[in-house]
Protein backbone atom coordinates (compact mmCIF):
# COMPACT_ATOMS: atom_id res chain seq x y z
CA MET A 1 -0.02 -0.21 -0.12
CA ILE A 2 2.85 2.60 0.96
CA LYS A 3 4.61 1.68 -2.50
CA ASN A 4 1.35 2.81 -4.29
CA ILE A 5 0.97 5.83 -2.77
CA LEU A 6 4.79 6.67 -3.26
CA PHE A 7 4.65 5.57 -6.96
CA PHE A 8 1.42 7.93 -6.96
CA LEU A 9 3.26 10.66 -5.86
CA ALA A 10 5.94 10.18 -7.71
CA ALA A 11 4.23 10.01 -10.79
CA LEU A 12 2.00 12.94 -9.82
CA LEU A 13 5.44 15.05 -9.32
CA CYS A 14 7.14 14.08 -11.97
CA THR A 15 4.58 14.96 -14.96
CA PRO A 16 6.51 16.58 -18.16
CA ALA A 17 5.61 19.97 -16.32
CA PHE A 18 7.93 19.34 -13.69
CA GLY A 19 10.82 16.74 -15.87
CA GLN A 20 11.84 15.07 -18.78
CA GLU A 21 9.25 14.09 -21.13
CA ILE A 22 8.80 10.39 -21.21
CA PRO A 23 9.31 8.97 -25.08
CA GLU A 24 6.74 6.93 -26.84
CA ARG A 25 7.44 3.55 -27.04
CA PRO A 26 8.64 2.74 -30.63
CA ASP A 27 6.97 1.19 -33.14
CA PRO A 28 7.11 -1.77 -33.46
CA PRO A 29 8.09 -2.23 -29.96
CA ARG A 30 11.25 -3.43 -29.04
CA LEU A 31 12.89 -4.85 -25.64
CA VAL A 32 16.41 -3.02 -26.16
CA ASN A 33 15.98 0.72 -26.72
CA ASP A 34 19.34 2.45 -27.39
CA PHE A 35 18.32 5.85 -27.28
CA ALA A 36 21.86 7.09 -26.22
CA GLY A 37 23.81 4.98 -28.72
CA VAL A 38 26.00 3.19 -26.64
CA LEU A 39 25.30 -0.22 -27.80
CA GLU A 40 26.78 -1.59 -31.15
CA ALA A 41 24.37 -2.93 -33.31
CA GLY A 42 25.13 -6.06 -32.84
CA GLN A 43 24.85 -5.82 -29.48
CA ALA A 44 21.46 -4.74 -29.12
CA ALA A 45 20.29 -7.11 -31.72
CA GLN A 46 21.58 -10.24 -29.52
CA LEU A 47 20.10 -8.32 -26.25
CA GLU A 48 16.99 -8.13 -27.91
CA GLU A 49 16.56 -12.14 -29.25
CA GLN A 50 17.75 -13.15 -25.99
CA LEU A 51 15.09 -11.12 -24.07
CA ALA A 52 12.21 -11.79 -26.85
CA ALA A 53 12.93 -15.44 -26.55
CA TYR A 54 12.54 -15.09 -22.79
CA ALA A 55 9.28 -13.13 -22.90
CA ARG A 56 7.84 -15.85 -25.44
CA GLN A 57 8.82 -18.47 -23.02
CA THR A 58 7.66 -16.72 -19.77
CA THR A 59 5.47 -13.82 -20.73
CA THR A 60 7.99 -11.69 -18.20
CA GLN A 61 9.24 -8.73 -20.19
CA ILE A 62 12.47 -7.11 -19.82
CA VAL A 63 13.28 -3.85 -21.33
CA ILE A 64 16.44 -1.71 -21.61
CA LEU A 65 16.41 1.36 -22.18
CA THR A 66 19.59 3.77 -22.46
CA VAL A 67 19.14 7.70 -22.39
CA PRO A 68 21.61 10.40 -22.93
CA THR A 69 20.47 12.37 -20.27
CA LEU A 70 17.60 12.57 -17.24
CA ASP A 71 17.76 16.17 -17.23
CA GLY A 72 18.46 16.29 -13.48
CA ASN A 73 15.65 13.75 -13.02
CA ASP A 74 15.73 11.10 -10.88
CA ILE A 75 16.25 7.71 -12.54
CA ALA A 76 13.71 5.83 -10.19
CA ASP A 77 11.01 7.73 -10.94
CA TYR A 78 11.80 8.27 -14.73
CA ALA A 79 12.07 4.33 -15.03
CA PHE A 80 9.01 3.56 -13.47
CA GLN A 81 6.88 6.49 -15.75
CA VAL A 82 8.76 4.79 -18.42
CA GLY A 83 7.39 0.83 -17.52
CA GLU A 84 3.64 2.52 -17.14
CA LYS A 85 3.54 4.51 -20.08
CA TRP A 86 4.77 1.46 -21.93
CA GLY A 87 3.00 -0.99 -19.96
CA ILE A 88 5.99 -3.02 -19.67
CA GLY A 89 4.24 -6.79 -18.78
CA GLN A 90 1.57 -8.63 -18.95
CA LYS A 91 -1.79 -6.59 -18.13
CA GLY A 92 -2.91 -8.12 -14.50
CA LYS A 93 0.52 -9.79 -14.09
CA ASP A 94 2.76 -6.77 -13.64
CA ASN A 95 5.35 -9.00 -14.72
CA GLY A 96 7.75 -6.46 -16.28
CA VAL A 97 11.09 -5.22 -15.17
CA ILE A 98 12.90 -2.14 -17.01
CA ILE A 99 16.67 -1.24 -16.85
CA VAL A 100 17.05 2.41 -17.49
CA PHE A 101 21.12 3.33 -18.27
CA LYS A 102 22.27 7.15 -18.72
CA PRO A 103 25.71 6.90 -19.29
CA LYS A 104 28.28 8.92 -17.68
CA THR A 105 29.24 12.86 -19.43
CA ALA A 106 31.62 15.14 -18.92
CA GLU A 107 28.51 17.24 -17.58
CA GLU A 108 26.47 14.61 -15.79
CA SER A 109 27.53 11.14 -13.93
CA GLY A 110 26.00 8.27 -15.11
CA ARG A 111 23.12 6.35 -13.52
CA VAL A 112 21.54 2.91 -13.71
CA PHE A 113 18.30 1.50 -12.06
CA VAL A 114 16.26 -1.65 -11.91
CA ALA A 115 12.69 -1.03 -12.00
CA VAL A 116 10.54 -4.21 -11.28
CA GLY A 117 6.90 -4.67 -11.56
CA TYR A 118 4.96 -5.71 -8.65
CA GLY A 119 4.27 -9.19 -9.68
CA LEU A 120 7.77 -9.98 -9.39
CA GLU A 121 9.16 -8.56 -6.13
CA SER A 122 8.88 -11.45 -4.10
CA VAL A 123 11.49 -13.04 -6.99
CA ILE A 124 13.41 -9.77 -7.31
CA PRO A 125 13.34 -7.89 -4.41
CA ASP A 126 14.20 -4.01 -4.99
CA ALA A 127 17.31 -4.59 -2.74
CA VAL A 128 18.75 -7.38 -5.04
CA ALA A 129 18.11 -5.36 -8.10
CA ASN A 130 19.09 -2.25 -7.36
CA ARG A 131 21.88 -3.08 -5.26
CA LEU A 132 23.55 -6.40 -5.82
CA ILE A 133 22.47 -6.66 -9.28
CA VAL A 134 23.69 -3.06 -10.09
CA GLU A 135 26.61 -3.11 -7.89
CA ASN A 136 27.93 -6.21 -9.08
CA GLU A 137 26.75 -7.27 -12.48
CA MET A 138 26.74 -4.09 -14.12
CA ILE A 139 28.83 -1.28 -12.94
CA PRO A 140 32.06 -3.07 -12.88
CA ARG A 141 31.43 -4.12 -16.44
CA PHE A 142 30.26 -0.15 -17.27
CA LYS A 143 33.95 0.91 -15.07
CA GLU A 144 35.61 -1.09 -17.87
CA GLY A 145 33.81 0.39 -20.86
CA ASP A 146 31.70 -2.74 -21.23
CA ILE A 147 28.16 -1.55 -21.36
CA TYR A 148 27.06 -4.67 -23.36
CA GLY A 149 28.55 -6.82 -20.68
CA GLY A 150 26.97 -5.29 -17.83
CA LEU A 151 23.42 -5.16 -19.40
CA ALA A 152 23.69 -9.05 -20.32
CA ASN A 153 24.75 -10.22 -16.85
CA ALA A 154 22.14 -7.84 -15.43
CA SER A 155 19.44 -9.46 -17.61
CA ARG A 156 20.96 -13.01 -17.42
CA VAL A 157 20.58 -12.58 -13.51
CA ILE A 158 16.99 -11.15 -13.80
CA MET A 159 15.86 -14.08 -15.97
CA GLY A 160 17.28 -16.42 -13.77
CA LEU A 161 15.30 -15.06 -10.39
CA ALA A 162 12.16 -14.31 -12.24
CA SER A 163 12.18 -18.30 -13.63
CA LYS A 164 13.07 -18.83 -9.65
CA GLU A 165 16.40 -20.83 -10.77
CA PHE A 166 17.94 -19.43 -8.13
CA THR A 167 16.49 -17.55 -4.66
CA PRO A 168 17.24 -14.00 -3.82
CA GLN A 169 19.11 -15.26 -1.04
CA GLN A 170 20.74 -17.54 -3.17
CA TYR A 171 21.95 -14.98 -5.08
CA GLN A 172 23.44 -12.90 -2.40
CA GLU A 173 25.34 -15.72 -0.87
CA LYS A 174 26.90 -16.35 -4.35
CA VAL A 175 27.72 -12.77 -4.46
CA ALA A 176 29.22 -12.57 -1.12
CA GLY A 177 30.96 -15.72 -1.54
CA ASN A 178 32.97 -14.21 -4.60
CA GLY A 179 33.53 -10.87 -3.59
CA GLY A 180 31.98 -10.00 -6.68
CA GLY A 181 29.38 -10.42 -9.54
CA GLY A 182 28.71 -13.74 -11.18
CA LEU A 183 25.64 -15.86 -11.94
CA PRO A 184 24.72 -18.48 -9.39
CA VAL A 185 25.39 -22.19 -10.72
């Protein structure tokens, strides 16, 4: 209930009058939307293929969105607004995930956020998505200049959690035992 109230307030405060306008979903819809131009065409196509196959198998949608700027807006609010506007996940199941990445520039620091639909929160808690997955799967790769690797790693972990191949606790233990990221086996 509190989360619903917070989401409503965030949506209310982050309307286009207060922040960046949310882009229209591309037509035809894609799961990988590289508006910041940080992926090579082959990398984007490979991610798209993997995410589309996963969506067909499970009905869970994982969307990757890169943007060149957030215009000073909060990335979490932005991610949830995009998820809502684009209708990510199945209606009634709320089983969508959106990864929003804004690369570092000379003027702005980089940002990344994983917004998880309410229907997946039990298998992908916010703390796992935005602390463990971001910090262990994405940021180390991003620091090496490997944007694709970070997004691919995060996508694989999200798919594993959503499919219940491993639990959030098992993933957390694996990360803690490794001293870094890596997929549970």
